[in-house]
Amino acid sequence: MEIKIETEYVTLGQFLKLADFISSGGEAKFAVKELDIIVNGDKEDRRGRKLYPNDVVVVEGQTFTIV
């Protein structure tokens, strides 16, 4: 699935909201610790991680590409 962004990058916390894994930014802190998140093949738990176009994010087995 593709997640389209209009800016240079989005943070992992913003991405989780765009992908409907969380409903508010305040939930991001807990979500990154609880969800199984892999960015470009590496486990990730920093909500401030910057995601750029062509990054591949896997959350709980669902694969997303930033475009």
N, C-alpha and C. Protein backbone atom coordinates (compact mmCIF):
# COMPACT_ATOMS: atom_id res chain seq x y z
N MET A 1 0.84 -1.16 0.00
CA MET A 1 0.00 0.00 0.00
C MET A 1 0.90 1.24 0.00
N GLU A 2 0.49 2.28 -0.70
CA GLU A 2 1.28 3.50 -0.77
C GLU A 2 0.68 4.57 0.13
N ILE A 3 1.57 5.31 0.81
CA ILE A 3 1.16 6.46 1.61
C ILE A 3 1.79 7.68 0.94
N LYS A 4 0.95 8.57 0.44
CA LYS A 4 1.42 9.74 -0.29
C LYS A 4 1.64 10.89 0.69
N ILE A 5 2.81 11.52 0.57
CA ILE A 5 3.10 12.70 1.41
C ILE A 5 3.33 13.90 0.50
N GLU A 6 3.04 15.08 1.02
CA GLU A 6 3.19 16.32 0.26
C GLU A 6 4.45 17.08 0.68
N THR A 7 5.11 16.62 1.75
CA THR A 7 6.29 17.30 2.28
C THR A 7 7.53 16.48 1.97
N GLU A 8 8.69 17.00 2.34
CA GLU A 8 9.95 16.30 2.09
C GLU A 8 10.00 14.97 2.83
N TYR A 9 9.46 14.96 4.06
CA TYR A 9 9.45 13.74 4.87
C TYR A 9 8.29 13.81 5.87
N VAL A 10 7.99 12.67 6.48
CA VAL A 10 7.07 12.61 7.62
C VAL A 10 7.78 11.83 8.71
N THR A 11 7.39 12.08 9.96
CA THR A 11 7.96 11.29 11.05
C THR A 11 7.19 9.98 11.15
N LEU A 12 7.77 9.03 11.84
CA LEU A 12 7.10 7.75 12.03
C LEU A 12 5.77 7.95 12.74
N GLY A 13 5.74 8.85 13.71
CA GLY A 13 4.49 9.15 14.42
C GLY A 13 3.42 9.68 13.48
N GLN A 14 3.79 10.60 12.58
CA GLN A 14 2.85 11.13 11.60
C GLN A 14 2.39 10.03 10.64
N PHE A 15 3.33 9.19 10.25
CA PHE A 15 2.99 8.09 9.36
C PHE A 15 1.94 7.17 9.98
N LEU A 16 2.12 6.83 11.25
CA LEU A 16 1.17 5.93 11.91
C LEU A 16 -0.24 6.52 11.89
N LYS A 17 -0.32 7.84 12.01
CA LYS A 17 -1.62 8.51 11.95
C LYS A 17 -2.17 8.47 10.52
N LEU A 18 -1.32 8.76 9.53
CA LEU A 18 -1.74 8.72 8.12
C LEU A 18 -2.23 7.33 7.72
N ALA A 19 -1.59 6.30 8.27
CA ALA A 19 -1.94 4.92 7.92
C ALA A 19 -3.05 4.36 8.81
N ASP A 20 -3.63 5.21 9.65
CA ASP A 20 -4.75 4.83 10.52
C ASP A 20 -4.42 3.78 11.57
N PHE A 21 -3.18 3.75 12.03
CA PHE A 21 -2.83 2.85 13.13
C PHE A 21 -3.12 3.52 14.47
N ILE A 22 -3.10 4.85 14.47
CA ILE A 22 -3.44 5.61 15.68
C ILE A 22 -4.38 6.73 15.27
N SER A 23 -5.12 7.27 16.24
CA SER A 23 -6.07 8.33 15.92
C SER A 23 -5.56 9.71 16.30
N SER A 24 -4.55 9.77 17.18
CA SER A 24 -4.00 11.08 17.54
C SER A 24 -2.50 10.97 17.71
N GLY A 25 -1.83 12.10 17.59
CA GLY A 25 -0.37 12.13 17.73
C GLY A 25 0.09 11.68 19.10
N GLY A 26 -0.73 11.91 20.12
CA GLY A 26 -0.37 11.52 21.47
C GLY A 26 -0.22 10.03 21.65
N GLU A 27 -0.85 9.26 20.80
CA GLU A 27 -0.77 7.80 20.89
C GLU A 27 0.53 7.25 20.30
N ALA A 28 1.25 8.07 19.54
CA ALA A 28 2.44 7.60 18.83
C ALA A 28 3.51 7.07 19.77
N LYS A 29 3.70 7.74 20.89
CA LYS A 29 4.73 7.34 21.85
C LYS A 29 4.54 5.90 22.29
N PHE A 30 3.30 5.53 22.55
CA PHE A 30 3.00 4.17 23.00
C PHE A 30 2.97 3.19 21.83
N ALA A 31 2.47 3.65 20.68
CA ALA A 31 2.33 2.77 19.52
C ALA A 31 3.68 2.26 19.02
N VAL A 32 4.69 3.14 19.00
CA VAL A 32 6.00 2.70 18.48
C VAL A 32 6.64 1.66 19.40
N LYS A 33 6.27 1.65 20.67
CA LYS A 33 6.80 0.65 21.59
C LYS A 33 6.02 -0.67 21.51
N GLU A 34 4.72 -0.58 21.19
CA GLU A 34 3.86 -1.76 21.20
C GLU A 34 3.77 -2.47 19.85
N LEU A 35 3.77 -1.70 18.77
CA LEU A 35 3.61 -2.29 17.44
C LEU A 35 4.95 -2.82 16.92
N ASP A 36 4.87 -3.85 16.09
CA ASP A 36 6.06 -4.39 15.43
C ASP A 36 6.29 -3.55 14.17
N ILE A 37 7.28 -2.64 14.20
CA ILE A 37 7.53 -1.71 13.10
C ILE A 37 8.93 -1.93 12.54
N ILE A 38 9.00 -2.09 11.22
CA ILE A 38 10.29 -2.26 10.53
C ILE A 38 10.36 -1.21 9.43
N VAL A 39 11.46 -0.44 9.42
CA VAL A 39 11.68 0.58 8.39
C VAL A 39 12.91 0.19 7.59
N ASN A 40 12.71 -0.01 6.30
CA ASN A 40 13.81 -0.39 5.40
C ASN A 40 14.61 -1.58 5.95
N GLY A 41 13.91 -2.55 6.52
CA GLY A 41 14.55 -3.78 7.00
C GLY A 41 15.04 -3.75 8.43
N ASP A 42 14.97 -2.60 9.10
CA ASP A 42 15.46 -2.48 10.47
C ASP A 42 14.32 -2.20 11.44
N LYS A 43 14.34 -2.87 12.60
CA LYS A 43 13.35 -2.62 13.65
C LYS A 43 13.45 -1.16 14.08
N GLU A 44 12.30 -0.53 14.25
CA GLU A 44 12.29 0.90 14.59
C GLU A 44 11.33 1.17 15.74
N ASP A 45 11.77 1.99 16.72
CA ASP A 45 10.87 2.35 17.82
C ASP A 45 10.99 3.83 18.18
N ARG A 46 11.52 4.63 17.25
CA ARG A 46 11.62 6.08 17.48
C ARG A 46 10.52 6.78 16.70
N ARG A 47 9.60 7.42 17.41
CA ARG A 47 8.48 8.06 16.71
C ARG A 47 8.92 9.25 15.87
N GLY A 48 10.10 9.79 16.15
CA GLY A 48 10.61 10.92 15.39
C GLY A 48 11.41 10.54 14.15
N ARG A 49 11.54 9.24 13.90
CA ARG A 49 12.29 8.76 12.72
C ARG A 49 11.69 9.38 11.47
N LYS A 50 12.54 10.01 10.65
CA LYS A 50 12.07 10.65 9.43
C LYS A 50 11.92 9.62 8.32
N LEU A 51 10.79 9.66 7.66
CA LEU A 51 10.51 8.76 6.55
C LEU A 51 10.43 9.57 5.27
N TYR A 52 11.17 9.14 4.26
CA TYR A 52 11.26 9.85 2.99
C TYR A 52 10.62 9.01 1.89
N PRO A 53 10.30 9.64 0.73
CA PRO A 53 9.78 8.85 -0.39
C PRO A 53 10.68 7.66 -0.70
N ASN A 54 10.07 6.55 -1.02
CA ASN A 54 10.69 5.26 -1.33
C ASN A 54 11.06 4.45 -0.10
N ASP A 55 10.89 5.00 1.11
CA ASP A 55 11.09 4.19 2.31
C ASP A 55 9.99 3.15 2.39
N VAL A 56 10.35 1.97 2.88
CA VAL A 56 9.38 0.87 3.04
C VAL A 56 9.19 0.64 4.53
N VAL A 57 7.94 0.70 4.95
CA VAL A 57 7.60 0.54 6.36
C VAL A 57 6.66 -0.66 6.49
N VAL A 58 7.01 -1.57 7.41
CA VAL A 58 6.15 -2.72 7.69
C VAL A 58 5.65 -2.57 9.11
N VAL A 59 4.32 -2.52 9.26
CA VAL A 59 3.71 -2.38 10.58
C VAL A 59 2.78 -3.57 10.78
N GLU A 60 3.09 -4.39 11.79
CA GLU A 60 2.26 -5.56 12.10
C GLU A 60 2.01 -6.40 10.84
N GLY A 61 3.03 -6.57 10.00
CA GLY A 61 2.92 -7.42 8.82
C GLY A 61 2.36 -6.73 7.59
N GLN A 62 1.88 -5.51 7.70
CA GLN A 62 1.36 -4.77 6.55
C GLN A 62 2.47 -3.89 5.99
N THR A 63 2.68 -3.95 4.68
CA THR A 63 3.77 -3.22 4.04
C THR A 63 3.26 -1.94 3.39
N PHE A 64 3.98 -0.84 3.64
CA PHE A 64 3.64 0.47 3.10
C PHE A 64 4.88 1.06 2.43
N THR A 65 4.66 1.82 1.36
CA THR A 65 5.74 2.55 0.71
C THR A 65 5.40 4.02 0.74
N ILE A 66 6.37 4.84 1.13
CA ILE A 66 6.16 6.29 1.15
C ILE A 66 6.38 6.80 -0.25
N VAL A 67 5.42 7.58 -0.76
CA VAL A 67 5.54 8.17 -2.12
C VAL A 67 5.28 9.65 -2.06
